[in-house]
């Protein structure tokens, strides 16, 4: 199962980095920490298709962004989950539907903190 978690960690990490780059928010790459928390589950593909990713992304900022840039990063990330689900091809014609799309983006001192709780069934 660790391969699946590595795959989704990389996918979500790339999604967050793309959102930051799109909005010109620069982070110190060696400081990046992306982790899943308790509550994360992955049951795809199975008869009871369900996945939930609970976790966070934290990184030191090069420059502190203004509120508009933080809000724009948040907008990118809120749109990313449904877009990702639309591209997942499951066997037997099944589709995953977003059941939770909770994302927060905040600046905490000199760090950007993204927390997420994403679920699909």
C-alpha atoms as a PDB file:
ATOM      1  CA  UNK A   1       0.000   0.000   0.000  1.00  0.00           C
ATOM      2  CA  UNK A   2       2.919   2.359   0.510  1.00  0.00           C
ATOM      3  CA  UNK A   3       3.245   2.705  -3.274  1.00  0.00           C
ATOM      4  CA  UNK A   4      -0.268   4.122  -3.469  1.00  0.00           C
ATOM      5  CA  UNK A   5       0.456   6.643  -0.702  1.00  0.00           C
ATOM      6  CA  UNK A   6       3.700   7.670  -2.401  1.00  0.00           C
ATOM      7  CA  UNK A   7       1.813   8.163  -5.660  1.00  0.00           C
ATOM      8  CA  UNK A   8      -0.871  10.352  -4.110  1.00  0.00           C
ATOM      9  CA  UNK A   9       1.623  12.261  -1.952  1.00  0.00           C
ATOM     10  CA  UNK A  10       3.517  13.134  -5.131  1.00  0.00           C
ATOM     11  CA  UNK A  11       0.320  14.002  -6.960  1.00  0.00           C
ATOM     12  CA  UNK A  12      -0.904  16.317  -4.197  1.00  0.00           C
ATOM     13  CA  UNK A  13       2.582  17.768  -3.699  1.00  0.00           C
ATOM     14  CA  UNK A  14       2.762  18.601  -7.394  1.00  0.00           C
ATOM     15  CA  UNK A  15      -0.713  20.126  -7.273  1.00  0.00           C
ATOM     16  CA  UNK A  16       0.217  22.420  -4.374  1.00  0.00           C
ATOM     17  CA  UNK A  17       3.512  23.424  -6.005  1.00  0.00           C
ATOM     18  CA  UNK A  18       1.722  24.202  -9.297  1.00  0.00           C
ATOM     19  CA  UNK A  19      -0.756  26.447  -7.445  1.00  0.00           C
ATOM     20  CA  UNK A  20       2.056  28.275  -5.652  1.00  0.00           C
ATOM     21  CA  UNK A  21       4.007  28.785  -8.888  1.00  0.00           C
ATOM     22  CA  UNK A  22       0.892  29.975 -10.745  1.00  0.00           C
ATOM     23  CA  UNK A  23       0.410  32.699  -8.144  1.00  0.00           C
ATOM     24  CA  UNK A  24       4.073  33.652  -7.778  1.00  0.00           C
ATOM     25  CA  UNK A  25       4.367  32.372  -4.207  1.00  0.00           C
ATOM     26  CA  UNK A  26       7.958  31.213  -3.765  1.00  0.00           C
ATOM     27  CA  UNK A  27       8.978  28.686  -1.136  1.00  0.00           C
ATOM     28  CA  UNK A  28      12.305  27.259  -0.008  1.00  0.00           C
ATOM     29  CA  UNK A  29      12.065  23.824  -1.632  1.00  0.00           C
ATOM     30  CA  UNK A  30      14.264  21.913   0.848  1.00  0.00           C
ATOM     31  CA  UNK A  31      11.898  23.056   3.627  1.00  0.00           C
ATOM     32  CA  UNK A  32       8.812  21.435   2.065  1.00  0.00           C
ATOM     33  CA  UNK A  33       7.042  18.884   4.236  1.00  0.00           C
ATOM     34  CA  UNK A  34       3.990  17.033   2.898  1.00  0.00           C
ATOM     35  CA  UNK A  35       2.319  14.460   5.110  1.00  0.00           C
ATOM     36  CA  UNK A  36      -0.870  12.449   5.400  1.00  0.00           C
ATOM     37  CA  UNK A  37      -2.606  12.280   8.764  1.00  0.00           C
ATOM     38  CA  UNK A  38      -4.822   9.737  10.467  1.00  0.00           C
ATOM     39  CA  UNK A  39      -8.156   9.497   8.730  1.00  0.00           C
ATOM     40  CA  UNK A  40      -6.623   8.975   5.301  1.00  0.00           C
ATOM     41  CA  UNK A  41      -7.969   5.882   3.524  1.00  0.00           C
ATOM     42  CA  UNK A  42      -7.684   4.421   0.060  1.00  0.00           C
ATOM     43  CA  UNK A  43     -10.150   1.779  -1.221  1.00  0.00           C
ATOM     44  CA  UNK A  44      -9.953   2.191  -4.987  1.00  0.00           C
ATOM     45  CA  UNK A  45     -10.640   0.222  -7.094  1.00  0.00           C
ATOM     46  CA  UNK A  46     -12.925  -1.948  -5.012  1.00  0.00           C
ATOM     47  CA  UNK A  47     -16.631  -2.432  -4.710  1.00  0.00           C
ATOM     48  CA  UNK A  48     -16.669   0.182  -1.963  1.00  0.00           C
ATOM     49  CA  UNK A  49     -14.624   2.816  -3.821  1.00  0.00           C
ATOM     50  CA  UNK A  50     -13.633   5.427  -1.286  1.00  0.00           C
ATOM     51  CA  UNK A  51     -10.630   7.594  -0.736  1.00  0.00           C
ATOM     52  CA  UNK A  52      -9.853  10.305   1.737  1.00  0.00           C
ATOM     53  CA  UNK A  53      -6.668  12.303   2.035  1.00  0.00           C
ATOM     54  CA  UNK A  54      -6.154  14.249   5.244  1.00  0.00           C
ATOM     55  CA  UNK A  55      -2.895  16.066   5.686  1.00  0.00           C
ATOM     56  CA  UNK A  56      -0.777  19.128   5.249  1.00  0.00           C
ATOM     57  CA  UNK A  57       1.876  20.888   3.218  1.00  0.00           C
ATOM     58  CA  UNK A  58       4.237  23.251   5.038  1.00  0.00           C
ATOM     59  CA  UNK A  59       7.133  25.239   3.600  1.00  0.00           C
ATOM     60  CA  UNK A  60       9.220  28.286   4.423  1.00  0.00           C
ATOM     61  CA  UNK A  61       8.415  31.296   2.273  1.00  0.00           C
ATOM     62  CA  UNK A  62      11.002  33.318   0.376  1.00  0.00           C
ATOM     63  CA  UNK A  63       8.706  36.372   0.576  1.00  0.00           C
ATOM     64  CA  UNK A  64       5.418  36.654   2.448  1.00  0.00           C
ATOM     65  CA  UNK A  65       2.571  36.896  -0.103  1.00  0.00           C
ATOM     66  CA  UNK A  66      -0.327  39.292   0.251  1.00  0.00           C
ATOM     67  CA  UNK A  67      -3.870  38.127   1.040  1.00  0.00           C
ATOM     68  CA  UNK A  68      -4.904  38.183  -2.638  1.00  0.00           C
ATOM     69  CA  UNK A  69      -2.162  35.716  -3.591  1.00  0.00           C
ATOM     70  CA  UNK A  70      -3.033  33.434  -0.673  1.00  0.00           C
ATOM     71  CA  UNK A  71      -6.700  33.502  -1.733  1.00  0.00           C
ATOM     72  CA  UNK A  72      -5.738  32.730  -5.334  1.00  0.00           C
ATOM     73  CA  UNK A  73      -3.666  29.702  -4.241  1.00  0.00           C
ATOM     74  CA  UNK A  74      -6.674  28.541  -2.230  1.00  0.00           C
ATOM     75  CA  UNK A  75      -8.871  28.900  -5.322  1.00  0.00           C
ATOM     76  CA  UNK A  76      -6.489  26.774  -7.389  1.00  0.00           C
ATOM     77  CA  UNK A  77      -6.468  24.036  -4.758  1.00  0.00           C
ATOM     78  CA  UNK A  78     -10.249  23.962  -4.280  1.00  0.00           C
ATOM     79  CA  UNK A  79     -10.700  23.476  -8.043  1.00  0.00           C
ATOM     80  CA  UNK A  80      -7.953  20.838  -8.268  1.00  0.00           C
ATOM     81  CA  UNK A  81      -9.726  18.023  -6.362  1.00  0.00           C
ATOM     82  CA  UNK A  82     -12.834  17.785  -8.598  1.00  0.00           C
ATOM     83  CA  UNK A  83     -10.620  18.166 -11.680  1.00  0.00           C
ATOM     84  CA  UNK A  84      -8.404  15.314 -10.503  1.00  0.00           C
ATOM     85  CA  UNK A  85     -11.371  13.045  -9.793  1.00  0.00           C
ATOM     86  CA  UNK A  86     -12.737  13.668 -13.274  1.00  0.00           C
ATOM     87  CA  UNK A  87      -9.556  12.224 -14.784  1.00  0.00           C
ATOM     88  CA  UNK A  88      -9.356   9.005 -12.732  1.00  0.00           C
ATOM     89  CA  UNK A  89     -10.332   6.051 -14.881  1.00  0.00           C
ATOM     90  CA  UNK A  90     -11.813   3.263 -12.773  1.00  0.00           C
ATOM     91  CA  UNK A  91     -12.679  -0.232 -13.970  1.00  0.00           C
ATOM     92  CA  UNK A  92     -16.282  -1.148 -14.804  1.00  0.00           C
ATOM     93  CA  UNK A  93     -17.214   2.414 -15.702  1.00  0.00           C
ATOM     94  CA  UNK A  94     -17.430   3.586 -12.092  1.00  0.00           C
ATOM     95  CA  UNK A  95     -16.767   7.253 -11.253  1.00  0.00           C
ATOM     96  CA  UNK A  96     -15.625   8.932  -8.073  1.00  0.00           C
ATOM     97  CA  UNK A  97     -17.624  11.883  -6.792  1.00  0.00           C
ATOM     98  CA  UNK A  98     -16.195  14.465  -4.428  1.00  0.00           C
ATOM     99  CA  UNK A  99     -17.768  14.163  -0.982  1.00  0.00           C
ATOM    100  CA  UNK A 100     -15.392  16.520   0.816  1.00  0.00           C
ATOM    101  CA  UNK A 101     -13.176  19.301  -0.480  1.00  0.00           C
ATOM    102  CA  UNK A 102     -11.876  21.151   2.571  1.00  0.00           C
ATOM    103  CA  UNK A 103      -8.698  23.101   1.899  1.00  0.00           C
ATOM    104  CA  UNK A 104      -7.152  25.948   3.849  1.00  0.00           C
ATOM    105  CA  UNK A 105      -4.162  28.067   2.935  1.00  0.00           C
ATOM    106  CA  UNK A 106      -2.606  30.421   5.436  1.00  0.00           C
ATOM    107  CA  UNK A 107       0.627  32.199   6.165  1.00  0.00           C
ATOM    108  CA  UNK A 108       1.972  31.404   9.617  1.00  0.00           C
ATOM    109  CA  UNK A 109       5.002  33.555  10.331  1.00  0.00           C
ATOM    110  CA  UNK A 110       7.386  32.905   7.481  1.00  0.00           C
ATOM    111  CA  UNK A 111       5.723  29.672   6.372  1.00  0.00           C
ATOM    112  CA  UNK A 112       2.848  28.756   4.105  1.00  0.00           C
ATOM    113  CA  UNK A 113       0.585  26.092   5.589  1.00  0.00           C
ATOM    114  CA  UNK A 114      -1.894  24.190   3.440  1.00  0.00           C
ATOM    115  CA  UNK A 115      -4.204  21.740   5.170  1.00  0.00           C
ATOM    116  CA  UNK A 116      -6.535  19.463   3.303  1.00  0.00           C
ATOM    117  CA  UNK A 117      -9.295  16.956   3.898  1.00  0.00           C
ATOM    118  CA  UNK A 118     -10.308  15.543   0.519  1.00  0.00           C
ATOM    119  CA  UNK A 119     -12.708  12.647   0.080  1.00  0.00           C
ATOM    120  CA  UNK A 120     -14.438  10.882  -2.793  1.00  0.00           C
ATOM    121  CA  UNK A 121     -16.845   7.988  -3.076  1.00  0.00           C
END
